[in-house]
Amino acid sequence: FDVPCFGMRTLESMELGGIAAAALEADNVVILEKE
């Protein structure tokens, strides 16, 4: 029903929020368009 995701929009939101680091749970968070 729900897969936690991290993508390009997340990066943009981090930059706008002044956040320069993220820690994602391995094997449980999908990085969309990883490369």
Full PDB file with SEQRES, HELIX, SHEET, SSBOND, CRYST1, ORIGX, SCALE, CONECT and MASTER records, all heavy atoms in Angstrom:
SEQRES   1 A   35  PHE ASP VAL PRO CYS PHE GLY MET ARG THR LEU GLU SER          
SEQRES   2 A   35  MET GLU LEU GLY GLY ILE ALA ALA ALA ALA LEU GLU ALA          
SEQRES   3 A   35  ASP ASN VAL VAL ILE LEU GLU LYS GLU                          
HELIX    1 AA1 MET A    8  GLY A   17  1                                  10    
SHEET    1 AA1 2 CYS A   5  PHE A   6  0                                        
SHEET    2 AA1 2 VAL A  30  ILE A  31  1                                        
CRYST1    1.000    1.000    1.000  90.00  90.00  90.00 P 1           1          
ORIGX1      1.000000  0.000000  0.000000        0.00000                         
ORIGX2      0.000000  1.000000  0.000000        0.00000                         
ORIGX3      0.000000  0.000000  1.000000        0.00000                         
SCALE1      1.000000  0.000000  0.000000        0.00000                         
SCALE2      0.000000  1.000000  0.000000        0.00000                         
SCALE3      0.000000  0.000000  1.000000        0.00000                         
ATOM      1  N   PHE A   1       0.791  -1.221   0.000  1.00  0.00           N  
ATOM      2  CA  PHE A   1       0.000   0.000   0.000  1.00  0.00           C  
ATOM      3  C   PHE A   1       0.828   1.280   0.000  1.00  0.00           C  
ATOM      4  O   PHE A   1       0.325   2.332  -0.373  1.00  0.00           O  
ATOM      5  CB  PHE A   1      -0.924   0.030   1.228  1.00  0.00           C  
ATOM      6  CG  PHE A   1      -1.656  -1.251   1.468  1.00  0.00           C  
ATOM      7  CD1 PHE A   1      -1.682  -1.833   2.718  1.00  0.00           C  
ATOM      8  CD2 PHE A   1      -2.302  -1.896   0.434  1.00  0.00           C  
ATOM      9  CE1 PHE A   1      -2.362  -3.017   2.950  1.00  0.00           C  
ATOM     10  CE2 PHE A   1      -2.982  -3.085   0.641  1.00  0.00           C  
ATOM     11  CZ  PHE A   1      -3.012  -3.646   1.904  1.00  0.00           C  
ATOM     12  N   ASP A   2       2.053   1.191   0.428  1.00  0.00           N  
ATOM     13  CA  ASP A   2       2.844   2.415   0.578  1.00  0.00           C  
ATOM     14  C   ASP A   2       4.325   2.078   0.589  1.00  0.00           C  
ATOM     15  O   ASP A   2       4.764   1.261   1.401  1.00  0.00           O  
ATOM     16  CB  ASP A   2       2.457   3.131   1.873  1.00  0.00           C  
ATOM     17  CG  ASP A   2       3.340   4.334   2.163  1.00  0.00           C  
ATOM     18  OD1 ASP A   2       3.720   5.033   1.197  1.00  0.00           O  
ATOM     19  OD2 ASP A   2       3.652   4.579   3.337  1.00  0.00           O  
ATOM     20  N   VAL A   3       5.076   2.684  -0.306  1.00  0.00           N  
ATOM     21  CA  VAL A   3       6.532   2.527  -0.317  1.00  0.00           C  
ATOM     22  C   VAL A   3       7.155   3.908  -0.120  1.00  0.00           C  
ATOM     23  O   VAL A   3       6.934   4.803  -0.935  1.00  0.00           O  
ATOM     24  CB  VAL A   3       7.035   1.909  -1.640  1.00  0.00           C  
ATOM     25  CG1 VAL A   3       8.558   1.818  -1.629  1.00  0.00           C  
ATOM     26  CG2 VAL A   3       6.436   0.533  -1.852  1.00  0.00           C  
ATOM     27  N   PRO A   4       7.915   4.110   0.962  1.00  0.00           N  
ATOM     28  CA  PRO A   4       8.591   5.387   1.156  1.00  0.00           C  
ATOM     29  C   PRO A   4       9.558   5.660   0.007  1.00  0.00           C  
ATOM     30  O   PRO A   4      10.343   4.792  -0.367  1.00  0.00           O  
ATOM     31  CB  PRO A   4       9.346   5.190   2.476  1.00  0.00           C  
ATOM     32  CG  PRO A   4       8.655   4.058   3.153  1.00  0.00           C  
ATOM     33  CD  PRO A   4       8.174   3.163   2.056  1.00  0.00           C  
ATOM     34  N   CYS A   5       9.479   6.863  -0.540  1.00  0.00           N  
ATOM     35  CA  CYS A   5      10.307   7.202  -1.704  1.00  0.00           C  
ATOM     36  C   CYS A   5      11.128   8.463  -1.455  1.00  0.00           C  
ATOM     37  O   CYS A   5      10.746   9.331  -0.676  1.00  0.00           O  
ATOM     38  CB  CYS A   5       9.429   7.413  -2.939  1.00  0.00           C  
ATOM     39  SG  CYS A   5       8.577   5.939  -3.509  1.00  0.00           S  
ATOM     40  N   PHE A   6      12.238   8.539  -2.162  1.00  0.00           N  
ATOM     41  CA  PHE A   6      13.110   9.712  -2.149  1.00  0.00           C  
ATOM     42  C   PHE A   6      13.464   9.979  -3.609  1.00  0.00           C  
ATOM     43  O   PHE A   6      13.969   9.091  -4.295  1.00  0.00           O  
ATOM     44  CB  PHE A   6      14.374   9.428  -1.328  1.00  0.00           C  
ATOM     45  CG  PHE A   6      15.275  10.622  -1.140  1.00  0.00           C  
ATOM     46  CD1 PHE A   6      15.262  11.336   0.049  1.00  0.00           C  
ATOM     47  CD2 PHE A   6      16.125  11.042  -2.149  1.00  0.00           C  
ATOM     48  CE1 PHE A   6      16.085  12.434   0.228  1.00  0.00           C  
ATOM     49  CE2 PHE A   6      16.948  12.144  -1.979  1.00  0.00           C  
ATOM     50  CZ  PHE A   6      16.930  12.853  -0.781  1.00  0.00           C  
ATOM     51  N   GLY A   7      13.198  11.211  -4.080  1.00  0.00           N  
ATOM     52  CA  GLY A   7      13.458  11.504  -5.488  1.00  0.00           C  
ATOM     53  C   GLY A   7      13.957  12.909  -5.719  1.00  0.00           C  
ATOM     54  O   GLY A   7      14.373  13.613  -4.793  1.00  0.00           O  
ATOM     55  N   MET A   8      13.890  13.330  -6.967  1.00  0.00           N  
ATOM     56  CA  MET A   8      14.402  14.643  -7.352  1.00  0.00           C  
ATOM     57  C   MET A   8      13.659  15.771  -6.632  1.00  0.00           C  
ATOM     58  O   MET A   8      14.259  16.762  -6.222  1.00  0.00           O  
ATOM     59  CB  MET A   8      14.266  14.812  -8.871  1.00  0.00           C  
ATOM     60  CG  MET A   8      15.139  13.862  -9.675  1.00  0.00           C  
ATOM     61  SD  MET A   8      16.908  14.206  -9.448  1.00  0.00           S  
ATOM     62  CE  MET A   8      17.059  15.738 -10.360  1.00  0.00           C  
ATOM     63  N   ARG A   9      12.352  15.590  -6.471  1.00  0.00           N  
ATOM     64  CA  ARG A   9      11.585  16.629  -5.780  1.00  0.00           C  
ATOM     65  C   ARG A   9      12.001  16.714  -4.312  1.00  0.00           C  
ATOM     66  O   ARG A   9      12.010  17.801  -3.724  1.00  0.00           O  
ATOM     67  CB  ARG A   9      10.096  16.338  -5.893  1.00  0.00           C  
ATOM     68  CG  ARG A   9       9.251  17.390  -5.215  1.00  0.00           C  
ATOM     69  CD  ARG A   9       7.810  17.326  -5.622  1.00  0.00           C  
ATOM     70  NE  ARG A   9       7.019  18.290  -4.893  1.00  0.00           N  
ATOM     71  CZ  ARG A   9       5.827  18.713  -5.264  1.00  0.00           C  
ATOM     72  NH1 ARG A   9       5.284  18.259  -6.369  1.00  0.00           N  
ATOM     73  NH2 ARG A   9       5.167  19.583  -4.525  1.00  0.00           N  
ATOM     74  N   THR A  10      12.350  15.587  -3.715  1.00  0.00           N  
ATOM     75  CA  THR A  10      12.803  15.602  -2.322  1.00  0.00           C  
ATOM     76  C   THR A  10      14.089  16.411  -2.191  1.00  0.00           C  
ATOM     77  O   THR A  10      14.251  17.180  -1.241  1.00  0.00           O  
ATOM     78  CB  THR A  10      13.035  14.170  -1.810  1.00  0.00           C  
ATOM     79  OG1 THR A  10      12.018  13.308  -2.288  1.00  0.00           O  
ATOM     80  CG2 THR A  10      13.057  14.143  -0.287  1.00  0.00           C  
ATOM     81  N   LEU A  11      14.998  16.222  -3.131  1.00  0.00           N  
ATOM     82  CA  LEU A  11      16.248  16.990  -3.121  1.00  0.00           C  
ATOM     83  C   LEU A  11      15.961  18.487  -3.211  1.00  0.00           C  
ATOM     84  O   LEU A  11      16.554  19.294  -2.488  1.00  0.00           O  
ATOM     85  CB  LEU A  11      17.131  16.571  -4.292  1.00  0.00           C  
ATOM     86  CG  LEU A  11      17.918  15.271  -4.181  1.00  0.00           C  
ATOM     87  CD1 LEU A  11      18.700  15.035  -5.471  1.00  0.00           C  
ATOM     88  CD2 LEU A  11      18.858  15.293  -2.986  1.00  0.00           C  
ATOM     89  N   GLU A  12      15.046  18.847  -4.096  1.00  0.00           N  
ATOM     90  CA  GLU A  12      14.692  20.257  -4.251  1.00  0.00           C  
ATOM     91  C   GLU A  12      14.106  20.805  -2.947  1.00  0.00           C  
ATOM     92  O   GLU A  12      14.432  21.922  -2.525  1.00  0.00           O  
ATOM     93  CB  GLU A  12      13.674  20.406  -5.384  1.00  0.00           C  
ATOM     94  CG  GLU A  12      13.215  21.836  -5.622  1.00  0.00           C  
ATOM     95  CD  GLU A  12      12.121  21.929  -6.673  1.00  0.00           C  
ATOM     96  OE1 GLU A  12      11.861  20.927  -7.368  1.00  0.00           O  
ATOM     97  OE2 GLU A  12      11.517  23.008  -6.777  1.00  0.00           O  
ATOM     98  N   SER A  13      13.265  20.014  -2.306  1.00  0.00           N  
ATOM     99  CA  SER A  13      12.648  20.454  -1.056  1.00  0.00           C  
ATOM    100  C   SER A  13      13.684  20.582   0.053  1.00  0.00           C  
ATOM    101  O   SER A  13      13.614  21.498   0.882  1.00  0.00           O  
ATOM    102  CB  SER A  13      11.547  19.472  -0.641  1.00  0.00           C  
ATOM    103  OG  SER A  13      10.515  19.448  -1.604  1.00  0.00           O  
ATOM    104  N   MET A  14      14.651  19.657   0.094  1.00  0.00           N  
ATOM    105  CA  MET A  14      15.731  19.761   1.070  1.00  0.00           C  
ATOM    106  C   MET A  14      16.517  21.047   0.873  1.00  0.00           C  
ATOM    107  O   MET A  14      16.821  21.765   1.830  1.00  0.00           O  
ATOM    108  CB  MET A  14      16.664  18.550   0.962  1.00  0.00           C  
ATOM    109  CG  MET A  14      16.099  17.258   1.513  1.00  0.00           C  
ATOM    110  SD  MET A  14      17.264  15.877   1.364  1.00  0.00           S  
ATOM    111  CE  MET A  14      18.630  16.441   2.408  1.00  0.00           C  
ATOM    112  N   GLU A  15      16.843  21.352  -0.376  1.00  0.00           N  
ATOM    113  CA  GLU A  15      17.616  22.561  -0.667  1.00  0.00           C  
ATOM    114  C   GLU A  15      16.839  23.805  -0.241  1.00  0.00           C  
ATOM    115  O   GLU A  15      17.394  24.712   0.399  1.00  0.00           O  
ATOM    116  CB  GLU A  15      17.932  22.619  -2.156  1.00  0.00           C  
ATOM    117  CG  GLU A  15      18.827  23.787  -2.540  1.00  0.00           C  
ATOM    118  CD  GLU A  15      19.184  23.777  -4.011  1.00  0.00           C  
ATOM    119  OE1 GLU A  15      18.302  23.462  -4.839  1.00  0.00           O  
ATOM    120  OE2 GLU A  15      20.335  24.080  -4.347  1.00  0.00           O  
ATOM    121  N   LEU A  16      15.545  23.857  -0.551  1.00  0.00           N  
ATOM    122  CA  LEU A  16      14.723  25.003  -0.180  1.00  0.00           C  
ATOM    123  C   LEU A  16      14.577  25.120   1.331  1.00  0.00           C  
ATOM    124  O   LEU A  16      14.446  26.224   1.872  1.00  0.00           O  
ATOM    125  CB  LEU A  16      13.341  24.883  -0.828  1.00  0.00           C  
ATOM    126  CG  LEU A  16      13.302  25.060  -2.350  1.00  0.00           C  
ATOM    127  CD1 LEU A  16      11.916  24.734  -2.891  1.00  0.00           C  
ATOM    128  CD2 LEU A  16      13.699  26.474  -2.737  1.00  0.00           C  
ATOM    129  N   GLY A  17      14.613  23.975   2.032  1.00  0.00           N  
ATOM    130  CA  GLY A  17      14.482  23.988   3.481  1.00  0.00           C  
ATOM    131  C   GLY A  17      15.792  24.178   4.217  1.00  0.00           C  
ATOM    132  O   GLY A  17      15.810  24.243   5.458  1.00  0.00           O  
ATOM    133  N   GLY A  18      16.900  24.261   3.479  1.00  0.00           N  
ATOM    134  CA  GLY A  18      18.201  24.464   4.107  1.00  0.00           C  
ATOM    135  C   GLY A  18      18.727  23.211   4.791  1.00  0.00           C  
ATOM    136  O   GLY A  18      19.379  23.299   5.840  1.00  0.00           O  
ATOM    137  N   ILE A  19      18.477  22.046   4.198  1.00  0.00           N  
ATOM    138  CA  ILE A  19      18.897  20.766   4.778  1.00  0.00           C  
ATOM    139  C   ILE A  19      19.886  20.098   3.818  1.00  0.00           C  
ATOM    140  O   ILE A  19      19.562  19.849   2.655  1.00  0.00           O  
ATOM    141  CB  ILE A  19      17.680  19.844   5.003  1.00  0.00           C  
ATOM    142  CG1 ILE A  19      16.671  20.551   5.906  1.00  0.00           C  
ATOM    143  CG2 ILE A  19      18.100  18.503   5.592  1.00  0.00           C  
ATOM    144  CD1 ILE A  19      15.295  19.938   5.861  1.00  0.00           C  
ATOM    145  N   ALA A  20      21.075  19.800   4.303  1.00  0.00           N  
ATOM    146  CA  ALA A  20      22.140  19.309   3.423  1.00  0.00           C  
ATOM    147  C   ALA A  20      22.494  17.849   3.641  1.00  0.00           C  
ATOM    148  O   ALA A  20      23.498  17.369   3.104  1.00  0.00           O  
ATOM    149  CB  ALA A  20      23.394  20.172   3.587  1.00  0.00           C  
ATOM    150  N   ALA A  21      21.701  17.112   4.424  1.00  0.00           N  
ATOM    151  CA  ALA A  21      22.012  15.699   4.653  1.00  0.00           C  
ATOM    152  C   ALA A  21      20.730  14.914   4.913  1.00  0.00           C  
ATOM    153  O   ALA A  21      19.791  15.415   5.544  1.00  0.00           O  
ATOM    154  CB  ALA A  21      22.964  15.538   5.836  1.00  0.00           C  
ATOM    155  N   ALA A  22      20.702  13.673   4.408  1.00  0.00           N  
ATOM    156  CA  ALA A  22      19.549  12.798   4.619  1.00  0.00           C  
ATOM    157  C   ALA A  22      20.032  11.390   4.909  1.00  0.00           C  
ATOM    158  O   ALA A  22      21.027  10.928   4.324  1.00  0.00           O  
ATOM    159  CB  ALA A  22      18.631  12.796   3.397  1.00  0.00           C  
ATOM    160  N   ALA A  23      19.335  10.706   5.804  1.00  0.00           N  
ATOM    161  CA  ALA A  23      19.634   9.313   6.153  1.00  0.00           C  
ATOM    162  C   ALA A  23      18.399   8.478   5.854  1.00  0.00           C  
ATOM    163  O   ALA A  23      17.334   8.700   6.431  1.00  0.00           O  
ATOM    164  CB  ALA A  23      20.019   9.205   7.630  1.00  0.00           C  
ATOM    165  N   LEU A  24      18.540   7.507   4.951  1.00  0.00           N  
ATOM    166  CA  LEU A  24      17.424   6.713   4.464  1.00  0.00           C  
ATOM    167  C   LEU A  24      17.575   5.263   4.915  1.00  0.00           C  
ATOM    168  O   LEU A  24      18.672   4.703   4.831  1.00  0.00           O  
ATOM    169  CB  LEU A  24      17.373   6.764   2.925  1.00  0.00           C  
ATOM    170  CG  LEU A  24      17.534   8.147   2.286  1.00  0.00           C  
ATOM    171  CD1 LEU A  24      17.597   8.027   0.772  1.00  0.00           C  
ATOM    172  CD2 LEU A  24      16.399   9.069   2.720  1.00  0.00           C  
ATOM    173  N   GLU A  25      16.480   4.665   5.374  1.00  0.00           N  
ATOM    174  CA  GLU A  25      16.573   3.282   5.832  1.00  0.00           C  
ATOM    175  C   GLU A  25      16.839   2.349   4.663  1.00  0.00           C  
ATOM    176  O   GLU A  25      16.101   2.322   3.682  1.00  0.00           O  
ATOM    177  CB  GLU A  25      15.296   2.860   6.564  1.00  0.00           C  
ATOM    178  CG  GLU A  25      15.424   1.461   7.132  1.00  0.00           C  
ATOM    179  CD  GLU A  25      14.292   1.059   8.052  1.00  0.00           C  
ATOM    180  OE1 GLU A  25      13.438   1.911   8.369  1.00  0.00           O  
ATOM    181  OE2 GLU A  25      14.271  -0.114   8.460  1.00  0.00           O  
ATOM    182  N   ALA A  26      17.909   1.582   4.757  1.00  0.00           N  
ATOM    183  CA  ALA A  26      18.323   0.668   3.693  1.00  0.00           C  
ATOM    184  C   ALA A  26      17.273  -0.406   3.458  1.00  0.00           C  
ATOM    185  O   ALA A  26      16.642  -0.903   4.399  1.00  0.00           O  
ATOM    186  CB  ALA A  26      19.663   0.023   4.046  1.00  0.00           C  
ATOM    187  N   ASP A  27      17.070  -0.739   2.189  1.00  0.00           N  
ATOM    188  CA  ASP A  27      16.151  -1.787   1.735  1.00  0.00           C  
ATOM    189  C   ASP A  27      14.682  -1.442   1.917  1.00  0.00           C  
ATOM    190  O   ASP A  27      13.818  -2.225   1.512  1.00  0.00           O  
ATOM    191  CB  ASP A  27      16.435  -3.134   2.426  1.00  0.00           C  
ATOM    192  CG  ASP A  27      17.736  -3.765   1.964  1.00  0.00           C  
ATOM    193  OD1 ASP A  27      18.106  -3.542   0.802  1.00  0.00           O  
ATOM    194  OD2 ASP A  27      18.375  -4.444   2.771  1.00  0.00           O  
ATOM    195  N   ASN A  28      14.386  -0.282   2.499  1.00  0.00           N  
ATOM    196  CA  ASN A  28      12.987   0.085   2.730  1.00  0.00           C  
ATOM    197  C   ASN A  28      12.579   1.384   2.050  1.00  0.00           C  
ATOM    198  O   ASN A  28      11.392   1.649   1.903  1.00  0.00           O  
ATOM    199  CB  ASN A  28      12.713   0.188   4.230  1.00  0.00           C  
ATOM    200  CG  ASN A  28      12.672  -1.166   4.897  1.00  0.00           C  
ATOM    201  OD1 ASN A  28      12.283  -2.160   4.291  1.00  0.00           O  
ATOM    202  ND2 ASN A  28      13.091  -1.231   6.149  1.00  0.00           N  
ATOM    203  N   VAL A  29      13.534   2.208   1.646  1.00  0.00           N  
ATOM    204  CA  VAL A  29      13.239   3.461   0.957  1.00  0.00           C  
ATOM    205  C   VAL A  29      13.693   3.335  -0.496  1.00  0.00           C  
ATOM    206  O   VAL A  29      14.843   2.970  -0.768  1.00  0.00           O  
ATOM    207  CB  VAL A  29      13.949   4.656   1.621  1.00  0.00           C  
ATOM    208  CG1 VAL A  29      13.689   5.941   0.830  1.00  0.00           C  
ATOM    209  CG2 VAL A  29      13.474   4.821   3.061  1.00  0.00           C  
ATOM    210  N   VAL A  30      12.781   3.614  -1.415  1.00  0.00           N  
ATOM    211  CA  VAL A  30      13.102   3.578  -2.839  1.00  0.00           C  
ATOM    212  C   VAL A  30      13.632   4.939  -3.274  1.00  0.00           C  
ATOM    213  O   VAL A  30      13.022   5.972  -2.984  1.00  0.00           O  
ATOM    214  CB  VAL A  30      11.859   3.212  -3.675  1.00  0.00           C  
ATOM    215  CG1 VAL A  30      12.126   3.424  -5.158  1.00  0.00           C  
ATOM    216  CG2 VAL A  30      11.470   1.759  -3.435  1.00  0.00           C  
ATOM    217  N   ILE A  31      14.771   4.935  -3.938  1.00  0.00           N  
ATOM    218  CA  ILE A  31      15.334   6.164  -4.503  1.00  0.00           C  
ATOM    219  C   ILE A  31      14.960   6.181  -5.980  1.00  0.00           C  
ATOM    220  O   ILE A  31      15.520   5.441  -6.790  1.00  0.00           O  
ATOM    221  CB  ILE A  31      16.860   6.225  -4.322  1.00  0.00           C  
ATOM    222  CG1 ILE A  31      17.225   6.108  -2.843  1.00  0.00           C  
ATOM    223  CG2 ILE A  31      17.411   7.527  -4.906  1.00  0.00           C  
ATOM    224  CD1 ILE A  31      18.712   6.041  -2.578  1.00  0.00           C  
ATOM    225  N   LEU A  32      13.976   6.996  -6.314  1.00  0.00           N  
ATOM    226  CA  LEU A  32      13.470   7.038  -7.675  1.00  0.00           C  
ATOM    227  C   LEU A  32      14.467   7.718  -8.608  1.00  0.00           C  
ATOM    228  O   LEU A  32      14.966   8.794  -8.301  1.00  0.00           O  
ATOM    229  CB  LEU A  32      12.135   7.788  -7.708  1.00  0.00           C  
ATOM    230  CG  LEU A  32      10.977   7.122  -6.951  1.00  0.00           C  
ATOM    231  CD1 LEU A  32       9.796   8.064  -6.866  1.00  0.00           C  
ATOM    232  CD2 LEU A  32      10.590   5.825  -7.632  1.00  0.00           C  
ATOM    233  N   GLU A  33      14.754   7.078  -9.738  1.00  0.00           N  
ATOM    234  CA  GLU A  33      15.751   7.588 -10.687  1.00  0.00           C  
ATOM    235  C   GLU A  33      17.088   7.759  -9.966  1.00  0.00           C  
ATOM    236  O   GLU A  33      17.674   8.836  -9.922  1.00  0.00           O  
ATOM    237  CB  GLU A  33      15.285   8.912 -11.305  1.00  0.00           C  
ATOM    238  CG  GLU A  33      13.959   8.794 -12.044  1.00  0.00           C  
ATOM    239  CD  GLU A  33      13.444  10.115 -12.573  1.00  0.00           C  
ATOM    240  OE1 GLU A  33      13.207  11.026 -11.759  1.00  0.00           O  
ATOM    241  OE2 GLU A  33      13.284  10.233 -13.795  1.00  0.00           O  
ATOM    242  N   LYS A  34      17.558   6.679  -9.423  1.00  0.00           N  
ATOM    243  CA  LYS A  34      18.688   6.681  -8.485  1.00  0.00           C  
ATOM    244  C   LYS A  34      19.928   7.406  -9.008  1.00  0.00           C  
ATOM    245  O   LYS A  34      20.484   8.286  -8.330  1.00  0.00           O  
ATOM    246  CB  LYS A  34      19.040   5.233  -8.158  1.00  0.00           C  
ATOM    247  CG  LYS A  34      19.881   5.043  -6.908  1.00  0.00           C  
ATOM    248  CD  LYS A  34      20.161   3.560  -6.721  1.00  0.00           C  
ATOM    249  CE  LYS A  34      20.057   3.151  -5.289  1.00  0.00           C  
ATOM    250  NZ  LYS A  34      20.365   1.720  -5.081  1.00  0.00           N  
ATOM    251  N   GLU A  35      20.369   7.071 -10.204  1.00  0.00           N  
ATOM    252  CA  GLU A  35      21.587   7.699 -10.736  1.00  0.00           C  
ATOM    253  C   GLU A  35      21.407   9.204 -10.898  1.00  0.00           C  
ATOM    254  O   GLU A  35      22.318   9.987 -10.602  1.00  0.00           O  
ATOM    255  CB  GLU A  35      21.965   7.054 -12.077  1.00  0.00           C  
ATOM    256  CG  GLU A  35      22.418   5.602 -11.966  1.00  0.00           C  
ATOM    257  CD  GLU A  35      22.879   5.039 -13.290  1.00  0.00           C  
ATOM    258  OE1 GLU A  35      22.893   5.798 -14.291  1.00  0.00           O  
ATOM    259  OE2 GLU A  35      23.218   3.840 -13.344  1.00  0.00           O  
TER     260      GLU A  35                                                      
MASTER        0    0    0    1    2    0    0    6  259    1    0    3          
END                                                                             
